[in-house]
């Protein structure tokens, strides 16, 4: 009896010690999870709808758990305040213009708060500071959107099935194109004709290319000839400017120029004297009858020409 009592006491003691150890370990893990043994600081934010967020849910920054939700309370009919406890060692990375949003762990996991990075030059978030928030997207809204998309996809699928049925039955332009062999043959003939036309076009391009090359060669020869003529003309102009040759002497020699001007004056005076002599001959007794006969003959020729023109005009009028 005493032995049995002693073993029972030992087992009872071991059970109590194990229970205490498990309790201490549980307290340690729970405290670590809830940041009970780490220095923390508090920040707050407001949401219109927390979408199932609960006290004790995790807070993540850059994908790392940095704190827990400490308290959730309703401020008014459109505002819910969320108090967050963040580890002190990440306070320097959270900026005053950072924003808090609600997400979930996986597709159907617990809700978590995601804190975004702030701007580079913003100050560090202080203890008790209020930061902005991003309203979460409700699962019901996502499901409603998916349902609308599914209905639209069903309508599109039915219309596509009708189109394929019409095509298979040979209706419409596309159906006739697929089912009618005559159209396919016409298309093949058109492609063959287009191929022949392209071959002819290639030949035309080759001929045009040859003609262009010949034209460029002739143009090059013309340019060379023009260059030679230009050089020769330049030499002639140099000689003229230097007074060489008849034209150069005529332009550069002032004496020759004066003689040429005097010759022109003499020719003009000779022409004037000749006119005076002819006028004197007209009034001379011996030549007066000759000039008068020449004048009468000229007037007769003019009269005959006018008569011929009148007869020709009458004949043309009668023919019309």
C-alpha atoms as a PDB file:
ATOM      1  CA  UNK A   1       0.000   0.000   0.000  1.00  0.00           C
ATOM      2  CA  UNK A   2       2.824   2.306   0.885  1.00  0.00           C
ATOM      3  CA  UNK A   3       4.662   1.420  -2.339  1.00  0.00           C
ATOM      4  CA  UNK A   4       1.554   2.020  -4.374  1.00  0.00           C
ATOM      5  CA  UNK A   5       1.045   5.339  -2.652  1.00  0.00           C
ATOM      6  CA  UNK A   6       4.657   6.333  -3.280  1.00  0.00           C
ATOM      7  CA  UNK A   7       4.454   5.578  -7.046  1.00  0.00           C
ATOM      8  CA  UNK A   8       1.195   7.462  -7.272  1.00  0.00           C
ATOM      9  CA  UNK A   9       2.774  10.499  -5.658  1.00  0.00           C
ATOM     10  CA  UNK A  10       5.692  10.369  -8.091  1.00  0.00           C
ATOM     11  CA  UNK A  11       3.454  10.133 -11.111  1.00  0.00           C
ATOM     12  CA  UNK A  12       1.305  12.928  -9.758  1.00  0.00           C
ATOM     13  CA  UNK A  13       4.331  15.129  -9.260  1.00  0.00           C
ATOM     14  CA  UNK A  14       5.635  14.450 -12.761  1.00  0.00           C
ATOM     15  CA  UNK A  15       2.216  15.248 -14.183  1.00  0.00           C
ATOM     16  CA  UNK A  16       2.099  18.561 -12.339  1.00  0.00           C
ATOM     17  CA  UNK A  17       5.637  19.500 -13.384  1.00  0.00           C
ATOM     18  CA  UNK A  18       4.868  18.624 -17.045  1.00  0.00           C
ATOM     19  CA  UNK A  19       1.652  20.607 -16.918  1.00  0.00           C
ATOM     20  CA  UNK A  20       3.467  23.644 -15.507  1.00  0.00           C
ATOM     21  CA  UNK A  21       6.167  23.322 -18.166  1.00  0.00           C
ATOM     22  CA  UNK A  22       3.579  23.164 -20.937  1.00  0.00           C
ATOM     23  CA  UNK A  23       1.783  26.146 -19.425  1.00  0.00           C
ATOM     24  CA  UNK A  24       5.006  28.186 -19.251  1.00  0.00           C
ATOM     25  CA  UNK A  25       5.898  27.280 -22.835  1.00  0.00           C
ATOM     26  CA  UNK A  26       2.392  28.190 -24.025  1.00  0.00           C
ATOM     27  CA  UNK A  27       2.564  31.507 -22.185  1.00  0.00           C
ATOM     28  CA  UNK A  28       5.955  32.173 -23.791  1.00  0.00           C
ATOM     29  CA  UNK A  29       4.757  31.455 -27.338  1.00  0.00           C
ATOM     30  CA  UNK A  30       1.513  33.335 -26.878  1.00  0.00           C
ATOM     31  CA  UNK A  31       3.335  36.271 -25.352  1.00  0.00           C
ATOM     32  CA  UNK A  32       5.846  36.265 -28.165  1.00  0.00           C
ATOM     33  CA  UNK A  33       3.054  36.140 -30.721  1.00  0.00           C
ATOM     34  CA  UNK A  34       1.231  38.988 -29.007  1.00  0.00           C
ATOM     35  CA  UNK A  35       4.437  40.971 -28.431  1.00  0.00           C
ATOM     36  CA  UNK A  36       4.051  40.761 -24.665  1.00  0.00           C
ATOM     37  CA  UNK A  37       7.802  40.468 -24.085  1.00  0.00           C
ATOM     38  CA  UNK A  38       8.992  42.907 -26.809  1.00  0.00           C
ATOM     39  CA  UNK A  39       9.067  46.720 -26.601  1.00  0.00           C
ATOM     40  CA  UNK A  40       6.272  48.096 -28.822  1.00  0.00           C
ATOM     41  CA  UNK A  41       4.725  51.395 -29.900  1.00  0.00           C
ATOM     42  CA  UNK A  42       1.111  52.130 -30.801  1.00  0.00           C
ATOM     43  CA  UNK A  43      -0.396  53.595 -33.982  1.00  0.00           C
ATOM     44  CA  UNK A  44      -4.044  53.885 -35.009  1.00  0.00           C
ATOM     45  CA  UNK A  45      -6.067  54.047 -38.200  1.00  0.00           C
ATOM     46  CA  UNK A  46      -9.738  54.231 -39.219  1.00  0.00           C
ATOM     47  CA  UNK A  47     -11.788  52.068 -41.579  1.00  0.00           C
ATOM     48  CA  UNK A  48     -15.326  52.253 -42.838  1.00  0.00           C
ATOM     49  CA  UNK A  49     -15.507  48.443 -42.770  1.00  0.00           C
ATOM     50  CA  UNK A  50     -12.897  46.179 -41.147  1.00  0.00           C
ATOM     51  CA  UNK A  51     -14.162  43.176 -43.188  1.00  0.00           C
ATOM     52  CA  UNK A  52     -13.848  40.561 -40.425  1.00  0.00           C
ATOM     53  CA  UNK A  53     -10.664  41.847 -38.788  1.00  0.00           C
ATOM     54  CA  UNK A  54     -10.301  40.684 -35.175  1.00  0.00           C
ATOM     55  CA  UNK A  55      -8.187  41.578 -32.169  1.00  0.00           C
ATOM     56  CA  UNK A  56      -4.943  39.581 -32.211  1.00  0.00           C
ATOM     57  CA  UNK A  57      -4.663  39.410 -36.019  1.00  0.00           C
ATOM     58  CA  UNK A  58      -1.202  39.997 -37.438  1.00  0.00           C
ATOM     59  CA  UNK A  59       0.212  43.211 -38.876  1.00  0.00           C
ATOM     60  CA  UNK A  60       2.663  42.915 -41.753  1.00  0.00           C
ATOM     61  CA  UNK A  61       5.240  45.290 -43.173  1.00  0.00           C
ATOM     62  CA  UNK A  62       7.234  44.248 -46.272  1.00  0.00           C
ATOM     63  CA  UNK A  63       5.753  40.751 -45.897  1.00  0.00           C
ATOM     64  CA  UNK A  64       7.009  40.354 -42.294  1.00  0.00           C
ATOM     65  CA  UNK A  65       4.859  40.114 -39.166  1.00  0.00           C
ATOM     66  CA  UNK A  66       5.757  43.224 -37.152  1.00  0.00           C
ATOM     67  CA  UNK A  67       2.827  43.508 -34.714  1.00  0.00           C
ATOM     68  CA  UNK A  68      -0.728  42.619 -33.735  1.00  0.00           C
ATOM     69  CA  UNK A  69      -4.144  44.267 -33.614  1.00  0.00           C
ATOM     70  CA  UNK A  70      -4.622  45.475 -30.040  1.00  0.00           C
ATOM     71  CA  UNK A  71      -8.147  46.893 -30.128  1.00  0.00           C
ATOM     72  CA  UNK A  72     -11.090  47.491 -32.474  1.00  0.00           C
ATOM     73  CA  UNK A  73     -13.858  49.915 -31.594  1.00  0.00           C
ATOM     74  CA  UNK A  74     -16.674  51.701 -33.374  1.00  0.00           C
ATOM     75  CA  UNK A  75     -16.340  55.485 -33.315  1.00  0.00           C
ATOM     76  CA  UNK A  76     -19.552  56.304 -35.234  1.00  0.00           C
ATOM     77  CA  UNK A  77     -21.795  54.855 -37.916  1.00  0.00           C
ATOM     78  CA  UNK A  78     -19.121  55.276 -40.595  1.00  0.00           C
ATOM     79  CA  UNK A  79     -15.835  54.937 -38.701  1.00  0.00           C
ATOM     80  CA  UNK A  80     -14.136  51.992 -36.996  1.00  0.00           C
ATOM     81  CA  UNK A  81     -10.881  52.678 -35.180  1.00  0.00           C
ATOM     82  CA  UNK A  82      -8.170  50.011 -35.099  1.00  0.00           C
ATOM     83  CA  UNK A  83      -5.329  50.204 -32.554  1.00  0.00           C
ATOM     84  CA  UNK A  84      -2.104  48.456 -33.567  1.00  0.00           C
ATOM     85  CA  UNK A  85       0.933  47.437 -31.520  1.00  0.00           C
ATOM     86  CA  UNK A  86       4.144  47.478 -33.603  1.00  0.00           C
ATOM     87  CA  UNK A  87       7.559  46.261 -32.532  1.00  0.00           C
ATOM     88  CA  UNK A  88       9.855  49.117 -31.609  1.00  0.00           C
ATOM     89  CA  UNK A  89      12.742  47.849 -33.770  1.00  0.00           C
ATOM     90  CA  UNK A  90      10.781  48.520 -37.011  1.00  0.00           C
ATOM     91  CA  UNK A  91       9.501  51.976 -36.017  1.00  0.00           C
ATOM     92  CA  UNK A  92      12.210  53.725 -38.042  1.00  0.00           C
ATOM     93  CA  UNK A  93      10.958  52.099 -41.278  1.00  0.00           C
ATOM     94  CA  UNK A  94       7.294  53.093 -40.841  1.00  0.00           C
ATOM     95  CA  UNK A  95       6.711  56.640 -42.076  1.00  0.00           C
ATOM     96  CA  UNK A  96       4.076  59.161 -41.077  1.00  0.00           C
ATOM     97  CA  UNK A  97       2.502  58.952 -44.575  1.00  0.00           C
ATOM     98  CA  UNK A  98       2.356  55.140 -44.629  1.00  0.00           C
ATOM     99  CA  UNK A  99      -1.086  53.610 -45.211  1.00  0.00           C
ATOM    100  CA  UNK A 100      -2.790  50.604 -43.610  1.00  0.00           C
ATOM    101  CA  UNK A 101      -4.911  48.178 -45.616  1.00  0.00           C
ATOM    102  CA  UNK A 102      -6.771  44.982 -44.791  1.00  0.00           C
ATOM    103  CA  UNK A 103      -5.898  41.773 -46.629  1.00  0.00           C
ATOM    104  CA  UNK A 104      -6.123  38.065 -45.922  1.00  0.00           C
ATOM    105  CA  UNK A 105      -3.703  35.187 -45.439  1.00  0.00           C
ATOM    106  CA  UNK A 106      -4.305  33.195 -48.588  1.00  0.00           C
ATOM    107  CA  UNK A 107      -7.734  32.916 -50.180  1.00  0.00           C
ATOM    108  CA  UNK A 108      -9.801  32.045 -47.093  1.00  0.00           C
ATOM    109  CA  UNK A 109      -7.266  32.727 -44.318  1.00  0.00           C
ATOM    110  CA  UNK A 110      -7.444  35.134 -41.387  1.00  0.00           C
ATOM    111  CA  UNK A 111      -7.492  38.871 -41.942  1.00  0.00           C
ATOM    112  CA  UNK A 112      -4.233  40.799 -41.603  1.00  0.00           C
ATOM    113  CA  UNK A 113      -3.299  44.465 -41.771  1.00  0.00           C
ATOM    114  CA  UNK A 114      -0.733  45.437 -44.404  1.00  0.00           C
ATOM    115  CA  UNK A 115       1.267  48.634 -43.782  1.00  0.00           C
ATOM    116  CA  UNK A 116       2.721  50.192 -46.925  1.00  0.00           C
ATOM    117  CA  UNK A 117       6.048  51.989 -47.351  1.00  0.00           C
ATOM    118  CA  UNK A 118       5.897  55.730 -47.010  1.00  0.00           C
ATOM    119  CA  UNK A 119       7.784  58.294 -49.039  1.00  0.00           C
ATOM    120  CA  UNK A 120      11.550  58.562 -48.691  1.00  0.00           C
ATOM    121  CA  UNK A 121      11.688  62.012 -47.111  1.00  0.00           C
ATOM    122  CA  UNK A 122       8.715  61.573 -44.747  1.00  0.00           C
ATOM    123  CA  UNK A 123       9.324  61.600 -40.966  1.00  0.00           C
ATOM    124  CA  UNK A 124       9.152  58.454 -38.852  1.00  0.00           C
ATOM    125  CA  UNK A 125       5.795  57.477 -37.347  1.00  0.00           C
ATOM    126  CA  UNK A 126       5.539  58.482 -33.674  1.00  0.00           C
ATOM    127  CA  UNK A 127       4.000  56.562 -30.794  1.00  0.00           C
ATOM    128  CA  UNK A 128       0.227  57.082 -30.827  1.00  0.00           C
ATOM    129  CA  UNK A 129       0.192  58.591 -34.353  1.00  0.00           C
ATOM    130  CA  UNK A 130      -2.812  58.175 -36.635  1.00  0.00           C
ATOM    131  CA  UNK A 131      -2.056  56.985 -40.207  1.00  0.00           C
ATOM    132  CA  UNK A 132      -4.243  56.836 -43.324  1.00  0.00           C
ATOM    133  CA  UNK A 133      -6.056  53.693 -44.423  1.00  0.00           C
ATOM    134  CA  UNK A 134      -7.085  51.901 -47.622  1.00  0.00           C
ATOM    135  CA  UNK A 135     -10.579  50.435 -47.624  1.00  0.00           C
ATOM    136  CA  UNK A 136     -10.602  46.650 -48.185  1.00  0.00           C
ATOM    137  CA  UNK A 137     -12.340  44.983 -51.098  1.00  0.00           C
ATOM    138  CA  UNK A 138     -15.238  42.880 -49.914  1.00  0.00           C
ATOM    139  CA  UNK A 139     -15.367  39.220 -50.902  1.00  0.00           C
ATOM    140  CA  UNK A 140     -19.064  39.578 -51.722  1.00  0.00           C
ATOM    141  CA  UNK A 141     -18.267  42.347 -54.227  1.00  0.00           C
ATOM    142  CA  UNK A 142     -15.611  40.171 -55.829  1.00  0.00           C
ATOM    143  CA  UNK A 143     -18.029  37.260 -56.079  1.00  0.00           C
ATOM    144  CA  UNK A 144     -20.730  39.504 -57.584  1.00  0.00           C
ATOM    145  CA  UNK A 145     -18.249  40.770 -60.159  1.00  0.00           C
ATOM    146  CA  UNK A 146     -17.216  37.207 -60.971  1.00  0.00           C
ATOM    147  CA  UNK A 147     -20.846  36.209 -61.332  1.00  0.00           C
ATOM    148  CA  UNK A 148     -21.475  39.076 -63.776  1.00  0.00           C
ATOM    149  CA  UNK A 149     -18.401  38.068 -65.740  1.00  0.00           C
ATOM    150  CA  UNK A 150     -19.590  34.452 -65.812  1.00  0.00           C
ATOM    151  CA  UNK A 151     -23.012  35.505 -67.158  1.00  0.00           C
ATOM    152  CA  UNK A 152     -21.371  37.625 -69.859  1.00  0.00           C
ATOM    153  CA  UNK A 153     -19.033  34.769 -70.747  1.00  0.00           C
ATOM    154  CA  UNK A 154     -22.038  32.451 -71.072  1.00  0.00           C
ATOM    155  CA  UNK A 155     -23.769  34.881 -73.462  1.00  0.00           C
ATOM    156  CA  UNK A 156     -20.600  35.244 -75.528  1.00  0.00           C
ATOM    157  CA  UNK A 157     -20.174  31.465 -75.633  1.00  0.00           C
ATOM    158  CA  UNK A 158     -23.749  30.968 -76.892  1.00  0.00           C
ATOM    159  CA  UNK A 159     -23.293  33.609 -79.604  1.00  0.00           C
ATOM    160  CA  UNK A 160     -19.977  32.065 -80.620  1.00  0.00           C
ATOM    161  CA  UNK A 161     -21.627  28.633 -80.827  1.00  0.00           C
ATOM    162  CA  UNK A 162     -24.361  30.051 -83.100  1.00  0.00           C
ATOM    163  CA  UNK A 163     -21.750  31.681 -85.324  1.00  0.00           C
ATOM    164  CA  UNK A 164     -19.820  28.420 -85.627  1.00  0.00           C
ATOM    165  CA  UNK A 165     -23.032  26.561 -86.450  1.00  0.00           C
ATOM    166  CA  UNK A 166     -23.831  29.056 -89.230  1.00  0.00           C
ATOM    167  CA  UNK A 167     -20.300  28.764 -90.573  1.00  0.00           C
ATOM    168  CA  UNK A 168     -20.450  24.969 -90.599  1.00  0.00           C
ATOM    169  CA  UNK A 169     -23.783  25.102 -92.425  1.00  0.00           C
ATOM    170  CA  UNK A 170     -22.319  27.397 -95.098  1.00  0.00           C
ATOM    171  CA  UNK A 171     -24.229  30.549 -94.141  1.00  0.00           C
ATOM    172  CA  UNK A 172     -22.698  33.976 -94.424  1.00  0.00           C
ATOM    173  CA  UNK A 173     -19.591  35.079 -96.295  1.00  0.00           C
ATOM    174  CA  UNK A 174     -17.197  33.150 -94.043  1.00  0.00           C
ATOM    175  CA  UNK A 175     -19.319  29.997 -94.222  1.00  0.00           C
ATOM    176  CA  UNK A 176     -19.479  30.162 -98.021  1.00  0.00           C
ATOM    177  CA  UNK A 177     -15.732  30.802 -98.109  1.00  0.00           C
ATOM    178  CA  UNK A 178     -15.085  27.645 -96.112  1.00  0.00           C
ATOM    179  CA  UNK A 179     -17.774  25.371 -97.572  1.00  0.00           C
ATOM    180  CA  UNK A 180     -18.006  26.530-101.213  1.00  0.00           C
ATOM    181  CA  UNK A 181     -15.196  25.000-103.290  1.00  0.00           C
ATOM    182  CA  UNK A 182     -15.851  27.423-106.184  1.00  0.00           C
ATOM    183  CA  UNK A 183     -14.907  30.404-104.049  1.00  0.00           C
ATOM    184  CA  UNK A 184     -11.765  28.581-102.932  1.00  0.00           C
ATOM    185  CA  UNK A 185     -10.820  27.930-106.583  1.00  0.00           C
ATOM    186  CA  UNK A 186     -11.459  31.592-107.431  1.00  0.00           C
ATOM    187  CA  UNK A 187      -9.231  32.635-104.569  1.00  0.00           C
ATOM    188  CA  UNK A 188      -6.504  30.283-105.761  1.00  0.00           C
ATOM    189  CA  UNK A 189      -6.837  31.698-109.303  1.00  0.00           C
ATOM    190  CA  UNK A 190      -6.660  35.232-107.929  1.00  0.00           C
ATOM    191  CA  UNK A 191      -3.517  34.359-105.994  1.00  0.00           C
ATOM    192  CA  UNK A 192      -1.993  32.818-109.143  1.00  0.00           C
ATOM    193  CA  UNK A 193      -2.850  35.941-111.166  1.00  0.00           C
ATOM    194  CA  UNK A 194      -1.395  38.125-108.474  1.00  0.00           C
ATOM    195  CA  UNK A 195       1.761  36.011-108.535  1.00  0.00           C
ATOM    196  CA  UNK A 196       2.062  36.467-112.314  1.00  0.00           C
ATOM    197  CA  UNK A 197       1.450  40.181-111.943  1.00  0.00           C
ATOM    198  CA  UNK A 198       4.142  40.402-109.300  1.00  0.00           C
ATOM    199  CA  UNK A 199       6.569  38.572-111.596  1.00  0.00           C
ATOM    200  CA  UNK A 200       5.765  41.041-114.406  1.00  0.00           C
ATOM    201  CA  UNK A 201       6.177  43.872-111.959  1.00  0.00           C
ATOM    202  CA  UNK A 202       9.589  42.509-110.975  1.00  0.00           C
ATOM    203  CA  UNK A 203      10.609  42.409-114.653  1.00  0.00           C
ATOM    204  CA  UNK A 204       9.382  45.978-115.098  1.00  0.00           C
ATOM    205  CA  UNK A 205      11.431  47.041-112.106  1.00  0.00           C
ATOM    206  CA  UNK A 206      14.530  45.361-113.554  1.00  0.00           C
ATOM    207  CA  UNK A 207      14.005  47.077-116.942  1.00  0.00           C
ATOM    208  CA  UNK A 208      13.433  50.397-115.223  1.00  0.00           C
ATOM    209  CA  UNK A 209      16.566  49.864-113.196  1.00  0.00           C
ATOM    210  CA  UNK A 210      18.604  49.224-116.391  1.00  0.00           C
ATOM    211  CA  UNK A 211      17.109  52.317-118.054  1.00  0.00           C
ATOM    212  CA  UNK A 212      17.878  54.387-114.994  1.00  0.00           C
ATOM    213  CA  UNK A 213      21.465  53.164-115.011  1.00  0.00           C
ATOM    214  CA  UNK A 214      21.789  54.040-118.728  1.00  0.00           C
ATOM    215  CA  UNK A 215      20.248  57.460-118.091  1.00  0.00           C
ATOM    216  CA  UNK A 216      22.662  58.062-115.224  1.00  0.00           C
ATOM    217  CA  UNK A 217      25.624  57.098-117.437  1.00  0.00           C
ATOM    218  CA  UNK A 218      24.461  59.488-120.206  1.00  0.00           C
ATOM    219  CA  UNK A 219      23.873  62.172-117.616  1.00  0.00           C
ATOM    220  CA  UNK A 220      27.374  61.616-116.285  1.00  0.00           C
ATOM    221  CA  UNK A 221      28.812  61.983-119.822  1.00  0.00           C
ATOM    222  CA  UNK A 222      26.748  65.143-120.322  1.00  0.00           C
ATOM    223  CA  UNK A 223      28.046  66.544-117.063  1.00  0.00           C
ATOM    224  CA  UNK A 224      31.613  65.747-118.103  1.00  0.00           C
ATOM    225  CA  UNK A 225      31.056  67.439-121.508  1.00  0.00           C
ATOM    226  CA  UNK A 226      29.475  70.436-119.811  1.00  0.00           C
ATOM    227  CA  UNK A 227      32.422  70.637-117.457  1.00  0.00           C
ATOM    228  CA  UNK A 228      34.844  70.617-120.427  1.00  0.00           C
ATOM    229  CA  UNK A 229      32.792  73.312-122.203  1.00  0.00           C
ATOM    230  CA  UNK A 230      32.747  75.345-119.011  1.00  0.00           C
ATOM    231  CA  UNK A 231      36.512  75.114-118.693  1.00  0.00           C
ATOM    232  CA  UNK A 232      36.938  76.184-122.367  1.00  0.00           C
ATOM    233  CA  UNK A 233      34.470  79.032-121.910  1.00  0.00           C
ATOM    234  CA  UNK A 234      36.378  80.120-118.848  1.00  0.00           C
ATOM    235  CA  UNK A 235      39.623  80.214-120.812  1.00  0.00           C
ATOM    236  CA  UNK A 236      37.914  82.281-123.553  1.00  0.00           C
ATOM    237  CA  UNK A 237      36.558  84.722-120.982  1.00  0.00           C
ATOM    238  CA  UNK A 238      40.029  85.022-119.431  1.00  0.00           C
ATOM    239  CA  UNK A 239      41.472  85.878-122.858  1.00  0.00           C
ATOM    240  CA  UNK A 240      38.686  88.376-123.566  1.00  0.00           C
ATOM    241  CA  UNK A 241      39.248  90.026-120.186  1.00  0.00           C
ATOM    242  CA  UNK A 242      42.984  90.205-120.903  1.00  0.00           C
ATOM    243  CA  UNK A 243      42.290  91.896-124.313  1.00  0.00           C
ATOM    244  CA  UNK A 244      43.401  89.013-126.514  1.00  0.00           C
ATOM    245  CA  UNK A 245      41.651  88.363-129.860  1.00  0.00           C
ATOM    246  CA  UNK A 246      39.312  90.537-131.848  1.00  0.00           C
ATOM    247  CA  UNK A 247      36.491  90.424-129.262  1.00  0.00           C
ATOM    248  CA  UNK A 248      38.942  91.133-126.442  1.00  0.00           C
ATOM    249  CA  UNK A 249      40.410  94.073-128.300  1.00  0.00           C
ATOM    250  CA  UNK A 250      36.906  95.282-129.130  1.00  0.00           C
ATOM    251  CA  UNK A 251      35.954  95.221-125.428  1.00  0.00           C
ATOM    252  CA  UNK A 252      39.229  96.234-123.801  1.00  0.00           C
ATOM    253  CA  UNK A 253      40.829  98.552-126.460  1.00  0.00           C
ATOM    254  CA  UNK A 254      39.299 102.001-126.131  1.00  0.00           C
ATOM    255  CA  UNK A 255      40.856 103.199-129.401  1.00  0.00           C
ATOM    256  CA  UNK A 256      39.225 100.396-131.406  1.00  0.00           C
ATOM    257  CA  UNK A 257      35.976 101.079-129.609  1.00  0.00           C
ATOM    258  CA  UNK A 258      36.228 104.763-130.595  1.00  0.00           C
ATOM    259  CA  UNK A 259      36.957 103.840-134.237  1.00  0.00           C
ATOM    260  CA  UNK A 260      33.959 101.475-134.242  1.00  0.00           C
ATOM    261  CA  UNK A 261      31.723 104.243-132.915  1.00  0.00           C
ATOM    262  CA  UNK A 262      33.050 106.664-135.567  1.00  0.00           C
ATOM    263  CA  UNK A 263      32.367 104.051-138.255  1.00  0.00           C
ATOM    264  CA  UNK A 264      28.774 103.734-137.060  1.00  0.00           C
ATOM    265  CA  UNK A 265      28.409 107.521-137.196  1.00  0.00           C
ATOM    266  CA  UNK A 266      29.798 107.596-140.753  1.00  0.00           C
ATOM    267  CA  UNK A 267      27.386 104.821-141.818  1.00  0.00           C
ATOM    268  CA  UNK A 268      24.493 106.761-140.363  1.00  0.00           C
ATOM    269  CA  UNK A 269      25.543 109.935-142.241  1.00  0.00           C
ATOM    270  CA  UNK A 270      25.980 107.964-145.498  1.00  0.00           C
ATOM    271  CA  UNK A 271      22.522 106.415-145.086  1.00  0.00           C
ATOM    272  CA  UNK A 272      21.030 109.871-144.553  1.00  0.00           C
ATOM    273  CA  UNK A 273      22.758 111.213-147.688  1.00  0.00           C
ATOM    274  CA  UNK A 274      21.534 108.237-149.702  1.00  0.00           C
ATOM    275  CA  UNK A 275      17.962 108.925-148.590  1.00  0.00           C
ATOM    276  CA  UNK A 276      18.327 112.568-149.700  1.00  0.00           C
ATOM    277  CA  UNK A 277      19.674 111.479-153.123  1.00  0.00           C
ATOM    278  CA  UNK A 278      16.780 109.058-153.629  1.00  0.00           C
ATOM    279  CA  UNK A 279      14.308 111.816-152.786  1.00  0.00           C
ATOM    280  CA  UNK A 280      16.011 114.099-155.306  1.00  0.00           C
ATOM    281  CA  UNK A 281      15.761 111.410-157.971  1.00  0.00           C
ATOM    282  CA  UNK A 282      12.013 111.123-157.332  1.00  0.00           C
ATOM    283  CA  UNK A 283      11.547 114.794-158.248  1.00  0.00           C
ATOM    284  CA  UNK A 284      13.972 114.754-161.201  1.00  0.00           C
ATOM    285  CA  UNK A 285      12.411 115.293-164.663  1.00  0.00           C
ATOM    286  CA  UNK A 286      13.986 112.182-166.099  1.00  0.00           C
ATOM    287  CA  UNK A 287      13.064 109.741-163.256  1.00  0.00           C
ATOM    288  CA  UNK A 288       9.731 111.280-162.174  1.00  0.00           C
ATOM    289  CA  UNK A 289       7.712 109.250-164.710  1.00  0.00           C
ATOM    290  CA  UNK A 290       9.453 105.992-163.627  1.00  0.00           C
ATOM    291  CA  UNK A 291       8.627 106.401-159.953  1.00  0.00           C
ATOM    292  CA  UNK A 292       5.039 107.401-160.772  1.00  0.00           C
ATOM    293  CA  UNK A 293       4.613 104.256-162.873  1.00  0.00           C
ATOM    294  CA  UNK A 294       6.018 102.144-159.997  1.00  0.00           C
ATOM    295  CA  UNK A 295       3.504 103.717-157.602  1.00  0.00           C
ATOM    296  CA  UNK A 296       0.572 103.048-159.957  1.00  0.00           C
ATOM    297  CA  UNK A 297       1.662  99.438-160.397  1.00  0.00           C
ATOM    298  CA  UNK A 298       1.779  98.965-156.624  1.00  0.00           C
ATOM    299  CA  UNK A 299      -1.703 100.385-156.161  1.00  0.00           C
ATOM    300  CA  UNK A 300      -3.026  98.051-158.897  1.00  0.00           C
ATOM    301  CA  UNK A 301      -1.501  95.008-157.153  1.00  0.00           C
ATOM    302  CA  UNK A 302      -3.165  96.014-153.868  1.00  0.00           C
ATOM    303  CA  UNK A 303      -6.564  96.419-155.638  1.00  0.00           C
ATOM    304  CA  UNK A 304      -6.247  93.000-157.324  1.00  0.00           C
ATOM    305  CA  UNK A 305      -5.356  91.353-153.990  1.00  0.00           C
ATOM    306  CA  UNK A 306      -8.411  92.871-152.312  1.00  0.00           C
ATOM    307  CA  UNK A 307     -10.673  91.634-155.168  1.00  0.00           C
ATOM    308  CA  UNK A 308      -9.282  88.093-154.888  1.00  0.00           C
ATOM    309  CA  UNK A 309      -9.861  88.085-151.128  1.00  0.00           C
ATOM    310  CA  UNK A 310     -13.487  89.247-151.630  1.00  0.00           C
ATOM    311  CA  UNK A 311     -14.224  86.493-154.200  1.00  0.00           C
ATOM    312  CA  UNK A 312     -12.667  83.863-151.939  1.00  0.00           C
ATOM    313  CA  UNK A 313     -14.771  85.046-148.970  1.00  0.00           C
ATOM    314  CA  UNK A 314     -17.987  84.853-151.060  1.00  0.00           C
ATOM    315  CA  UNK A 315     -17.103  81.332-152.219  1.00  0.00           C
ATOM    316  CA  UNK A 316     -16.467  80.154-148.643  1.00  0.00           C
ATOM    317  CA  UNK A 317     -19.779  81.679-147.506  1.00  0.00           C
ATOM    318  CA  UNK A 318     -21.699  79.919-150.316  1.00  0.00           C
ATOM    319  CA  UNK A 319     -20.089  76.581-149.479  1.00  0.00           C
ATOM    320  CA  UNK A 320     -21.219  76.963-145.868  1.00  0.00           C
END
